[in-house]
Amino acid sequence: MNRGFYLVMAAQALSSVADNALLIAAIALIDDLQGPDWMVPLMKWWFALAYVVLAAFVGAFSDSFPKGRVMFSTNAVKIAGCILMFLVTFLANSAGGQLTWVFVAYTLVGVGAAAYSPAKYGIITEMLKPELLVKGNSWIEGLTVLSIIVGTVLGGVLIHPDVSHFLMRDLGLSSMAYNRAEAAILVIALVYLAAALFNLMIPKTGMVYPKQETRPLVLLSTFKRYVVILWSDKLGQISLAVTTLFWGVGATLQLIVIEWGAQHLGYRLDQSSILMGVTAFGTVIGASLAGRVPLRRALSVLPMGAVMGLMVLFMLVVKSTWAVYTLLIVIGALSGYFVVPMNALLQHRGHVLLSAGHSIAVQNFNEQSNILLMLGLYSLMLWLNISIYVIIVFFGLLVTSLMLFFIWWNRYNHRVNPDLPQLIGQEGYGTALHQDNH
């Protein structure tokens, strides 16, 4: 691991801390404006929509410039969204108008995150050899999840009545911020600025890709071909299916935990945000253990995903604090242990078949599309007043059944194509594109 890799991790961690803290501040803002329950998952839905809409374009953008500079410019877009959210009370007088601006602001942050992602993951494949990808992903995923812990806890702390009072009265933010959410957003903006400084220090890797296409219709057609290539690969399709399921359910589970904390445990929002952090802490443990899994054995962790789905069902019965925390840590650890090797395998196959930026864009398109589906389904369930306990059972059984299907699918692929293990660790990039050109 070189100095540049650690700078990437620092920049990614700070930017992710700010993203997750801003989510809690946005939820507090919606709560203060008395928005309905389904509005929170719908806000995340719009955030994910940015990934899907921009998927065909951000890969080419990421591969057109040094990725450290791409991370800096896209982090600036996040800062713009953060500032816009701070200004919602100035932009509209009615609660409905202010809620609309919260959606617009968080969607703008989603635009920045969508363009940021291919650069932050793509630069890993440029800096590290294939045999170091699982370890590198273990570091980056572990730190990313750790930043989720810090970010959600930071967001919860910043909106706590005592802390918001301290920020607004003792630190003098009352002259600029009129409520707890605005005071929190000002602090979060400083974290984004710190991430920008680290982005500027990331060195160039020297990787130069062919000149990227700029015509939108051609980019859309090319992106469609990239999606087909990655889904057609017998290793890529399994890892892509697993990570797509994981991120869709994971994004929804974040909000389910908040609602579960309120209904099952009687927690306030700042207390429920701690539960999200506890789950993320477990993911860090699982991700760190996954760093010991060789890339060639990445597919061996698939059963952990099925077990994780079953563990979610225990949320129905746990009540005491130690039991709740233990369960959430176990769920997080199982998810971290099986998703890190899958992510590394997917990045490896994507880099070999396509390129760093384009493969991550394809990955984001699929994962965020599933997030749209899952969050839309969750919003519909809340709108229909379906019990949170029924929702938990549904998502737990969904994960387990789909993971069992993916395990069967992987075994079938290996039975039909016995040479698949030899493709793991293959050098080069863009091999599928070169074949098409010839």
Protein backbone atom coordinates (compact mmCIF):
# COMPACT_ATOMS: atom_id res chain seq x y z
CA MET A 1 0.00 0.00 0.00
CA ASN A 2 1.48 3.35 -1.03
CA ARG A 3 1.05 6.90 0.22
CA GLY A 4 -1.46 7.74 -2.52
CA PHE A 5 -3.72 4.88 -1.45
CA TYR A 6 -3.85 6.22 2.11
CA LEU A 7 -4.70 9.70 0.83
CA VAL A 8 -7.56 8.20 -1.17
CA MET A 9 -8.80 6.46 1.97
CA ALA A 10 -8.63 9.66 4.02
CA ALA A 11 -10.50 11.67 1.38
CA GLN A 12 -13.11 8.94 0.96
CA ALA A 13 -13.61 8.56 4.71
CA LEU A 14 -14.17 12.29 5.30
CA SER A 15 -16.51 12.65 2.33
CA SER A 16 -18.49 9.60 3.47
CA VAL A 17 -18.66 10.91 7.06
CA ALA A 18 -20.20 14.12 5.72
CA ASP A 19 -22.65 12.21 3.45
CA ASN A 20 -24.01 10.13 6.32
CA ALA A 21 -24.12 12.99 8.81
CA LEU A 22 -26.00 15.08 6.23
CA LEU A 23 -28.58 12.29 5.86
CA ILE A 24 -29.35 12.47 9.59
CA ALA A 25 -29.51 16.29 9.43
CA ALA A 26 -31.89 16.04 6.44
CA ILE A 27 -34.11 13.56 8.33
CA ALA A 28 -34.16 15.98 11.30
CA LEU A 29 -35.12 18.81 8.94
CA ILE A 30 -37.98 16.76 7.50
CA ASP A 31 -39.05 15.84 11.03
CA ASP A 32 -39.01 19.50 12.12
CA LEU A 33 -41.11 20.41 9.07
CA GLN A 34 -43.56 17.61 10.00
CA GLY A 35 -43.09 15.72 6.74
CA PRO A 36 -44.75 12.26 6.45
CA ASP A 37 -42.82 9.04 7.25
CA TRP A 38 -42.56 7.95 3.61
CA MET A 39 -40.72 11.16 2.71
CA VAL A 40 -37.37 9.97 4.19
CA PRO A 41 -37.01 6.84 2.01
CA LEU A 42 -38.27 8.89 -0.94
CA MET A 43 -35.46 11.39 -0.35
CA LYS A 44 -32.91 8.56 -0.49
CA TRP A 45 -34.71 7.35 -3.59
CA TRP A 46 -33.91 10.61 -5.36
CA PHE A 47 -30.29 10.36 -4.14
CA ALA A 48 -30.01 6.91 -5.74
CA LEU A 49 -31.75 8.12 -8.89
CA ALA A 50 -28.76 10.36 -9.61
CA TYR A 51 -26.52 7.27 -9.82
CA VAL A 52 -28.85 5.58 -12.30
CA VAL A 53 -29.43 8.60 -14.54
CA LEU A 54 -25.73 9.52 -14.71
CA ALA A 55 -24.33 5.98 -14.92
CA ALA A 56 -23.68 6.15 -18.67
CA PHE A 57 -21.66 9.35 -18.36
CA VAL A 58 -19.69 9.32 -15.09
CA GLY A 59 -17.43 6.43 -16.16
CA ALA A 60 -16.19 8.36 -19.18
CA PHE A 61 -15.77 11.48 -17.03
CA SER A 62 -13.78 9.52 -14.43
CA ASP A 63 -11.45 8.03 -17.07
CA SER A 64 -10.89 11.38 -18.81
CA PHE A 65 -8.98 13.09 -15.99
CA PRO A 66 -6.69 12.17 -13.07
CA LYS A 67 -9.03 10.58 -10.56
CA GLY A 68 -7.83 12.68 -7.63
CA ARG A 69 -8.99 15.79 -9.49
CA VAL A 70 -12.29 14.11 -10.35
CA MET A 71 -12.81 13.37 -6.66
CA PHE A 72 -12.07 17.01 -5.81
CA SER A 73 -14.53 18.46 -8.33
CA THR A 74 -17.33 16.04 -7.49
CA ASN A 75 -16.81 16.65 -3.76
CA ALA A 76 -17.37 20.33 -4.57
CA VAL A 77 -20.79 19.40 -5.97
CA LYS A 78 -21.59 17.73 -2.64
CA ILE A 79 -20.60 20.94 -0.84
CA ALA A 80 -22.98 22.88 -3.10
CA GLY A 81 -25.82 20.51 -2.14
CA CYS A 82 -24.94 20.88 1.54
CA ILE A 83 -25.06 24.69 1.28
CA LEU A 84 -28.35 24.53 -0.62
CA MET A 85 -29.88 22.43 2.18
CA PHE A 86 -28.71 25.03 4.70
CA LEU A 87 -30.56 27.72 2.70
CA VAL A 88 -33.99 26.00 2.45
CA THR A 89 -35.60 28.40 4.96
CA PHE A 90 -34.45 31.33 2.81
CA LEU A 91 -35.63 29.75 -0.45
CA ALA A 92 -39.23 29.04 0.60
CA ASN A 93 -41.66 30.29 3.22
CA SER A 94 -44.03 27.32 3.40
CA ALA A 95 -43.16 23.93 4.90
CA GLY A 96 -44.07 22.23 1.64
CA GLY A 97 -41.73 24.45 -0.35
CA GLN A 98 -38.91 23.90 2.13
CA LEU A 99 -39.39 20.11 1.97
CA THR A 100 -39.11 20.34 -1.82
CA TRP A 101 -35.80 22.18 -1.51
CA VAL A 102 -34.52 19.52 0.93
CA PHE A 103 -35.19 16.96 -1.81
CA VAL A 104 -33.44 19.10 -4.43
CA ALA A 105 -30.41 19.67 -2.17
CA TYR A 106 -29.98 16.00 -1.26
CA THR A 107 -30.41 15.02 -4.91
CA LEU A 108 -27.56 17.43 -5.78
CA VAL A 109 -25.40 15.66 -3.18
CA GLY A 110 -26.41 12.42 -4.92
CA VAL A 111 -25.19 13.84 -8.25
CA GLY A 112 -21.81 14.56 -6.65
CA ALA A 113 -21.69 11.10 -5.05
CA ALA A 114 -22.59 9.39 -8.35
CA ALA A 115 -19.71 11.11 -10.16
CA TYR A 116 -17.36 10.63 -7.17
CA SER A 117 -17.81 6.85 -6.92
CA PRO A 118 -16.15 5.66 -10.19
CA ALA A 119 -13.10 7.74 -9.35
CA LYS A 120 -12.71 6.60 -5.73
CA TYR A 121 -13.05 2.89 -6.59
CA GLY A 122 -11.44 3.07 -10.01
CA ILE A 123 -8.24 4.58 -8.65
CA ILE A 124 -7.80 1.48 -6.43
CA THR A 125 -7.43 -0.76 -9.48
CA GLU A 126 -4.88 1.72 -10.87
CA MET A 127 -2.81 1.78 -7.67
CA LEU A 128 -2.91 -1.88 -6.63
CA LYS A 129 -2.08 -5.20 -8.30
CA PRO A 130 -4.88 -7.81 -8.61
CA GLU A 131 -3.53 -9.89 -5.70
CA LEU A 132 -3.83 -6.84 -3.42
CA LEU A 133 -7.37 -5.93 -4.45
CA VAL A 134 -9.16 -7.88 -1.68
CA LYS A 135 -6.85 -6.39 0.95
CA GLY A 136 -7.23 -2.93 -0.59
CA ASN A 137 -11.01 -3.32 -0.71
CA SER A 138 -10.97 -4.55 2.88
CA TRP A 139 -9.24 -1.32 3.86
CA ILE A 140 -11.41 0.96 1.76
CA GLU A 141 -14.69 -0.79 2.64
CA GLY A 142 -13.77 -1.06 6.30
CA LEU A 143 -12.91 2.63 6.41
CA THR A 144 -16.01 3.54 4.42
CA VAL A 145 -18.22 1.63 6.84
CA LEU A 146 -16.30 3.13 9.76
CA SER A 147 -17.10 6.52 8.25
CA ILE A 148 -20.77 5.49 8.18
CA ILE A 149 -20.51 4.87 11.92
CA VAL A 150 -18.82 8.19 12.54
CA GLY A 151 -21.14 10.01 10.14
CA THR A 152 -24.40 8.65 11.54
CA VAL A 153 -23.22 9.14 15.11
CA LEU A 154 -21.97 12.63 14.27
CA GLY A 155 -25.32 13.47 12.69
CA GLY A 156 -27.17 12.13 15.73
CA VAL A 157 -24.90 14.02 18.12
CA LEU A 158 -25.23 17.29 16.20
CA ILE A 159 -29.04 17.23 16.35
CA HIS A 160 -29.11 16.26 20.05
CA PRO A 161 -30.85 19.06 22.00
CA ASP A 162 -27.84 19.69 24.28
CA VAL A 163 -25.32 19.78 21.43
CA SER A 164 -27.46 21.94 19.14
CA HIS A 165 -27.94 24.35 22.06
CA PHE A 166 -24.16 24.44 22.55
CA LEU A 167 -23.54 25.10 18.84
CA MET A 168 -26.13 27.82 18.53
CA ARG A 169 -25.69 29.59 21.85
CA ASP A 170 -22.16 28.96 23.13
CA LEU A 171 -20.41 28.88 19.74
CA GLY A 172 -22.50 31.73 18.35
CA LEU A 173 -23.99 29.88 15.37
CA SER A 174 -27.44 31.26 16.22
CA SER A 175 -26.65 34.30 14.08
CA MET A 176 -26.49 32.01 11.02
CA ALA A 177 -28.52 28.91 11.97
CA TYR A 178 -32.14 29.07 13.11
CA ASN A 179 -32.63 25.41 14.09
CA ARG A 180 -30.76 22.23 15.04
CA ALA A 181 -30.54 20.95 11.46
CA GLU A 182 -29.01 24.16 10.10
CA ALA A 183 -26.39 24.21 12.88
CA ALA A 184 -25.53 20.60 12.08
CA ILE A 185 -25.24 21.34 8.35
CA LEU A 186 -22.70 24.11 9.00
CA VAL A 187 -20.44 21.66 10.85
CA ILE A 188 -20.92 19.02 8.13
CA ALA A 189 -19.83 21.52 5.47
CA LEU A 190 -16.47 21.79 7.25
CA VAL A 191 -16.00 18.01 6.96
CA TYR A 192 -16.62 18.22 3.21
CA LEU A 193 -13.96 20.96 3.00
CA ALA A 194 -11.46 18.73 4.82
CA ALA A 195 -12.16 15.96 2.28
CA ALA A 196 -11.46 18.42 -0.53
CA LEU A 197 -8.00 19.16 0.89
CA PHE A 198 -7.08 15.46 0.87
CA ASN A 199 -8.43 15.12 -2.68
CA LEU A 200 -5.98 17.78 -3.83
CA MET A 201 -3.06 15.80 -2.36
CA ILE A 202 -3.82 12.53 -4.21
CA PRO A 203 -0.99 11.90 -6.72
CA LYS A 204 -1.53 11.00 -10.37
CA THR A 205 -1.23 7.25 -11.05
CA GLY A 206 0.05 7.66 -14.59
CA MET A 207 -2.78 5.51 -16.00
CA VAL A 208 -3.95 6.93 -19.35
CA TYR A 209 -7.07 5.60 -21.04
CA PRO A 210 -8.07 6.08 -24.69
CA LYS A 211 -9.84 9.35 -25.46
CA GLN A 212 -13.34 9.10 -24.02
CA GLU A 213 -16.52 9.57 -26.02
CA THR A 214 -18.48 12.78 -25.28
CA ARG A 215 -21.64 12.38 -27.41
CA PRO A 216 -24.56 11.51 -25.08
CA LEU A 217 -26.36 9.08 -27.39
CA VAL A 218 -23.14 7.22 -28.19
CA LEU A 219 -22.30 7.07 -24.49
CA LEU A 220 -25.73 5.57 -23.74
CA SER A 221 -25.32 2.95 -26.46
CA THR A 222 -21.78 2.15 -25.31
CA PHE A 223 -22.85 1.93 -21.69
CA LYS A 224 -25.57 -0.55 -22.61
CA ARG A 225 -22.86 -2.72 -24.21
CA TYR A 226 -20.74 -2.45 -21.04
CA VAL A 227 -23.66 -3.63 -18.92
CA VAL A 228 -24.18 -6.65 -21.20
CA ILE A 229 -20.45 -7.49 -21.11
CA LEU A 230 -20.25 -7.52 -17.31
CA TRP A 231 -23.51 -9.45 -16.87
CA SER A 232 -22.39 -11.99 -19.48
CA ASP A 233 -19.16 -12.76 -17.63
CA LYS A 234 -19.68 -15.91 -15.53
CA LEU A 235 -17.71 -14.47 -12.59
CA GLY A 236 -18.87 -10.88 -13.01
CA GLN A 237 -22.56 -11.78 -13.07
CA ILE A 238 -22.44 -13.54 -9.69
CA SER A 239 -20.48 -10.80 -7.92
CA LEU A 240 -22.65 -8.13 -9.58
CA ALA A 241 -25.86 -9.89 -8.54
CA VAL A 242 -24.65 -10.20 -4.92
CA THR A 243 -23.44 -6.60 -4.56
CA THR A 244 -26.60 -5.33 -6.25
CA LEU A 245 -28.73 -7.20 -3.71
CA PHE A 246 -26.52 -6.14 -0.80
CA TRP A 247 -26.58 -2.41 -1.48
CA GLY A 248 -30.29 -2.34 -2.25
CA VAL A 249 -31.22 -4.11 0.96
CA GLY A 250 -28.49 -2.33 2.96
CA ALA A 251 -29.75 1.14 2.03
CA THR A 252 -33.29 0.14 2.98
CA LEU A 253 -32.18 -1.55 6.19
CA GLN A 254 -30.64 1.74 7.36
CA LEU A 255 -34.10 3.33 7.35
CA ILE A 256 -35.79 0.19 8.67
CA VAL A 257 -33.48 0.31 11.72
CA ILE A 258 -34.50 3.93 12.42
CA GLU A 259 -38.22 3.07 12.18
CA TRP A 260 -37.70 -0.14 14.19
CA GLY A 261 -35.85 1.82 16.85
CA ALA A 262 -38.77 4.23 17.14
CA GLN A 263 -41.59 1.65 17.16
CA HIS A 264 -39.99 -1.39 18.82
CA LEU A 265 -37.58 0.30 21.24
CA GLY A 266 -39.13 3.75 21.70
CA TYR A 267 -35.96 5.60 20.59
CA ARG A 268 -35.69 9.22 19.42
CA LEU A 269 -34.04 9.97 16.05
CA ASP A 270 -30.66 10.80 17.63
CA GLN A 271 -30.80 7.48 19.55
CA SER A 272 -31.86 5.44 16.50
CA SER A 273 -28.98 6.90 14.49
CA ILE A 274 -26.67 5.20 17.02
CA LEU A 275 -28.22 1.85 16.00
CA MET A 276 -27.16 2.49 12.41
CA GLY A 277 -23.66 3.11 13.70
CA VAL A 278 -23.67 -0.15 15.70
CA THR A 279 -24.58 -2.12 12.57
CA ALA A 280 -21.84 -0.35 10.65
CA PHE A 281 -19.35 -1.19 13.42
CA GLY A 282 -20.14 -4.87 12.87
CA THR A 283 -19.55 -4.37 9.15
CA VAL A 284 -16.07 -3.01 9.91
CA ILE A 285 -15.30 -6.20 11.87
CA GLY A 286 -16.54 -8.38 9.01
CA ALA A 287 -14.68 -6.34 6.39
CA SER A 288 -11.41 -6.57 8.33
CA LEU A 289 -11.76 -10.36 8.61
CA ALA A 290 -12.58 -10.55 4.90
CA GLY A 291 -9.21 -8.96 4.12
CA ARG A 292 -7.66 -12.37 4.80
CA VAL A 293 -9.73 -14.05 2.07
CA PRO A 294 -7.63 -14.50 -1.12
CA LEU A 295 -9.19 -13.16 -4.32
CA ARG A 296 -9.27 -16.71 -5.73
CA ARG A 297 -11.52 -17.81 -2.84
CA ALA A 298 -13.85 -14.80 -2.98
CA LEU A 299 -16.88 -16.89 -4.00
CA SER A 300 -16.54 -19.11 -0.93
CA VAL A 301 -18.15 -16.43 1.28
CA LEU A 302 -21.55 -16.56 -0.47
CA PRO A 303 -23.30 -18.61 2.29
CA MET A 304 -22.66 -15.77 4.75
CA GLY A 305 -25.21 -13.68 2.84
CA ALA A 306 -27.95 -16.26 3.35
CA VAL A 307 -27.16 -16.45 7.07
CA MET A 308 -27.32 -12.66 7.33
CA GLY A 309 -30.87 -12.64 5.95
CA LEU A 310 -31.94 -15.11 8.64
CA MET A 311 -30.29 -13.04 11.39
CA VAL A 312 -32.43 -10.03 10.38
CA LEU A 313 -35.51 -11.97 11.54
CA PHE A 314 -34.24 -11.88 15.15
CA MET A 315 -34.99 -8.13 15.15
CA LEU A 316 -38.57 -9.18 15.91
CA VAL A 317 -37.73 -10.57 19.34
CA VAL A 318 -34.70 -8.72 20.79
CA LYS A 319 -35.50 -5.96 23.26
CA SER A 320 -32.72 -5.39 25.80
CA THR A 321 -29.89 -3.04 24.84
CA TRP A 322 -27.14 -5.68 24.90
CA ALA A 323 -29.21 -8.06 22.73
CA VAL A 324 -30.07 -5.32 20.24
CA TYR A 325 -26.44 -4.21 19.93
CA THR A 326 -25.15 -7.79 19.67
CA LEU A 327 -27.63 -8.68 16.93
CA LEU A 328 -26.87 -5.56 14.89
CA ILE A 329 -23.11 -6.18 15.20
CA VAL A 330 -23.56 -9.79 14.00
CA ILE A 331 -25.71 -8.66 11.04
CA GLY A 332 -23.12 -6.04 10.13
CA ALA A 333 -20.19 -8.47 10.48
CA LEU A 334 -21.83 -11.06 8.22
CA SER A 335 -22.60 -8.45 5.58
CA GLY A 336 -19.07 -7.01 5.68
CA TYR A 337 -17.47 -10.43 5.46
CA PHE A 338 -19.32 -11.49 2.33
CA VAL A 339 -19.58 -8.20 0.43
CA VAL A 340 -15.87 -7.18 0.51
CA PRO A 341 -14.60 -10.23 -1.46
CA MET A 342 -17.56 -9.91 -3.84
CA ASN A 343 -16.76 -6.24 -4.41
CA ALA A 344 -13.08 -7.03 -5.03
CA LEU A 345 -13.93 -9.79 -7.52
CA LEU A 346 -16.36 -7.52 -9.34
CA GLN A 347 -13.82 -4.69 -9.55
CA HIS A 348 -11.17 -7.12 -10.80
CA ARG A 349 -13.37 -8.57 -13.55
CA GLY A 350 -14.70 -5.13 -14.46
CA HIS A 351 -11.17 -3.71 -14.77
CA VAL A 352 -9.99 -6.67 -16.88
CA LEU A 353 -13.02 -6.62 -19.18
CA LEU A 354 -13.70 -2.87 -19.38
CA SER A 355 -11.79 -0.18 -17.46
CA ALA A 356 -11.72 1.17 -13.92
CA GLY A 357 -14.18 4.03 -14.38
CA HIS A 358 -16.64 2.29 -16.71
CA SER A 359 -16.82 -0.92 -14.67
CA ILE A 360 -17.60 0.99 -11.46
CA ALA A 361 -20.24 3.00 -13.34
CA VAL A 362 -21.90 -0.27 -14.44
CA GLN A 363 -21.72 -1.54 -10.86
CA ASN A 364 -23.26 1.67 -9.52
CA PHE A 365 -26.02 1.57 -12.13
CA ASN A 366 -27.12 -1.90 -11.08
CA GLU A 367 -26.72 -1.34 -7.33
CA GLN A 368 -28.49 2.01 -7.31
CA SER A 369 -31.27 0.69 -9.55
CA ASN A 370 -31.93 -1.95 -6.91
CA ILE A 371 -31.79 0.73 -4.20
CA LEU A 372 -34.50 2.61 -6.15
CA LEU A 373 -36.58 -0.58 -6.27
CA MET A 374 -36.09 -1.44 -2.58
CA LEU A 375 -36.63 2.10 -1.29
CA GLY A 376 -39.68 2.51 -3.51
CA LEU A 377 -41.07 -0.74 -2.14
CA TYR A 378 -40.31 0.34 1.44
CA SER A 379 -41.95 3.75 0.88
CA LEU A 380 -45.03 2.00 -0.53
CA MET A 381 -45.20 -0.31 2.50
CA LEU A 382 -45.05 2.67 4.86
CA TRP A 383 -47.67 4.53 2.82
CA LEU A 384 -49.92 1.46 3.11
CA ASN A 385 -49.31 1.46 6.91
CA ILE A 386 -47.83 -2.05 6.84
CA SER A 387 -46.30 -3.00 10.19
CA ILE A 388 -42.53 -2.59 10.54
CA TYR A 389 -42.42 -6.20 11.78
CA VAL A 390 -43.95 -7.47 8.53
CA ILE A 391 -41.44 -5.35 6.59
CA ILE A 392 -38.53 -6.86 8.53
CA VAL A 393 -39.71 -10.42 7.82
CA PHE A 394 -40.14 -9.61 4.14
CA PHE A 395 -36.64 -8.20 3.67
CA GLY A 396 -34.96 -10.91 5.77
CA LEU A 397 -36.54 -13.75 3.80
CA LEU A 398 -35.89 -11.94 0.52
CA VAL A 399 -32.14 -11.78 1.22
CA THR A 400 -31.93 -15.44 2.27
CA SER A 401 -33.90 -16.81 -0.68
CA LEU A 402 -32.00 -14.75 -3.27
CA MET A 403 -28.61 -15.65 -1.77
CA LEU A 404 -29.50 -19.36 -1.94
CA PHE A 405 -30.37 -18.86 -5.60
CA PHE A 406 -27.05 -17.08 -6.26
CA ILE A 407 -25.16 -19.97 -4.61
CA TRP A 408 -26.90 -22.44 -6.94
CA TRP A 409 -26.22 -20.14 -9.93
CA ASN A 410 -22.49 -19.94 -9.09
CA ARG A 411 -22.21 -23.75 -8.77
CA TYR A 412 -23.97 -24.19 -12.10
CA ASN A 413 -21.55 -21.74 -13.80
CA HIS A 414 -18.54 -23.63 -12.45
CA ARG A 415 -19.98 -26.98 -13.46
CA VAL A 416 -20.54 -25.80 -17.05
CA ASN A 417 -17.30 -23.75 -17.18
CA PRO A 418 -14.63 -25.61 -15.13
CA ASP A 419 -11.88 -23.17 -16.20
CA LEU A 420 -13.46 -20.18 -14.40
CA PRO A 421 -11.04 -20.21 -11.40
CA GLN A 422 -8.13 -19.59 -13.80
CA LEU A 423 -9.65 -16.21 -14.81
CA ILE A 424 -9.33 -14.81 -11.27
CA GLY A 425 -6.09 -12.83 -11.05
CA GLN A 426 -5.86 -12.22 -14.80
CA GLU A 427 -3.79 -9.13 -15.75
CA GLY A 428 -4.70 -6.33 -18.18
CA TYR A 429 -7.71 -4.12 -18.78
CA GLY A 430 -10.33 -3.61 -21.50
CA THR A 431 -9.90 -7.11 -22.93
CA ALA A 432 -13.58 -7.39 -23.91
CA LEU A 433 -13.41 -4.01 -25.64
CA HIS A 434 -10.25 -4.98 -27.54
CA GLN A 435 -11.96 -8.19 -28.71
CA ASP A 436 -14.94 -6.16 -29.96
CA ASN A 437 -12.63 -3.81 -31.86
CA HIS A 438 -10.96 -6.78 -33.59
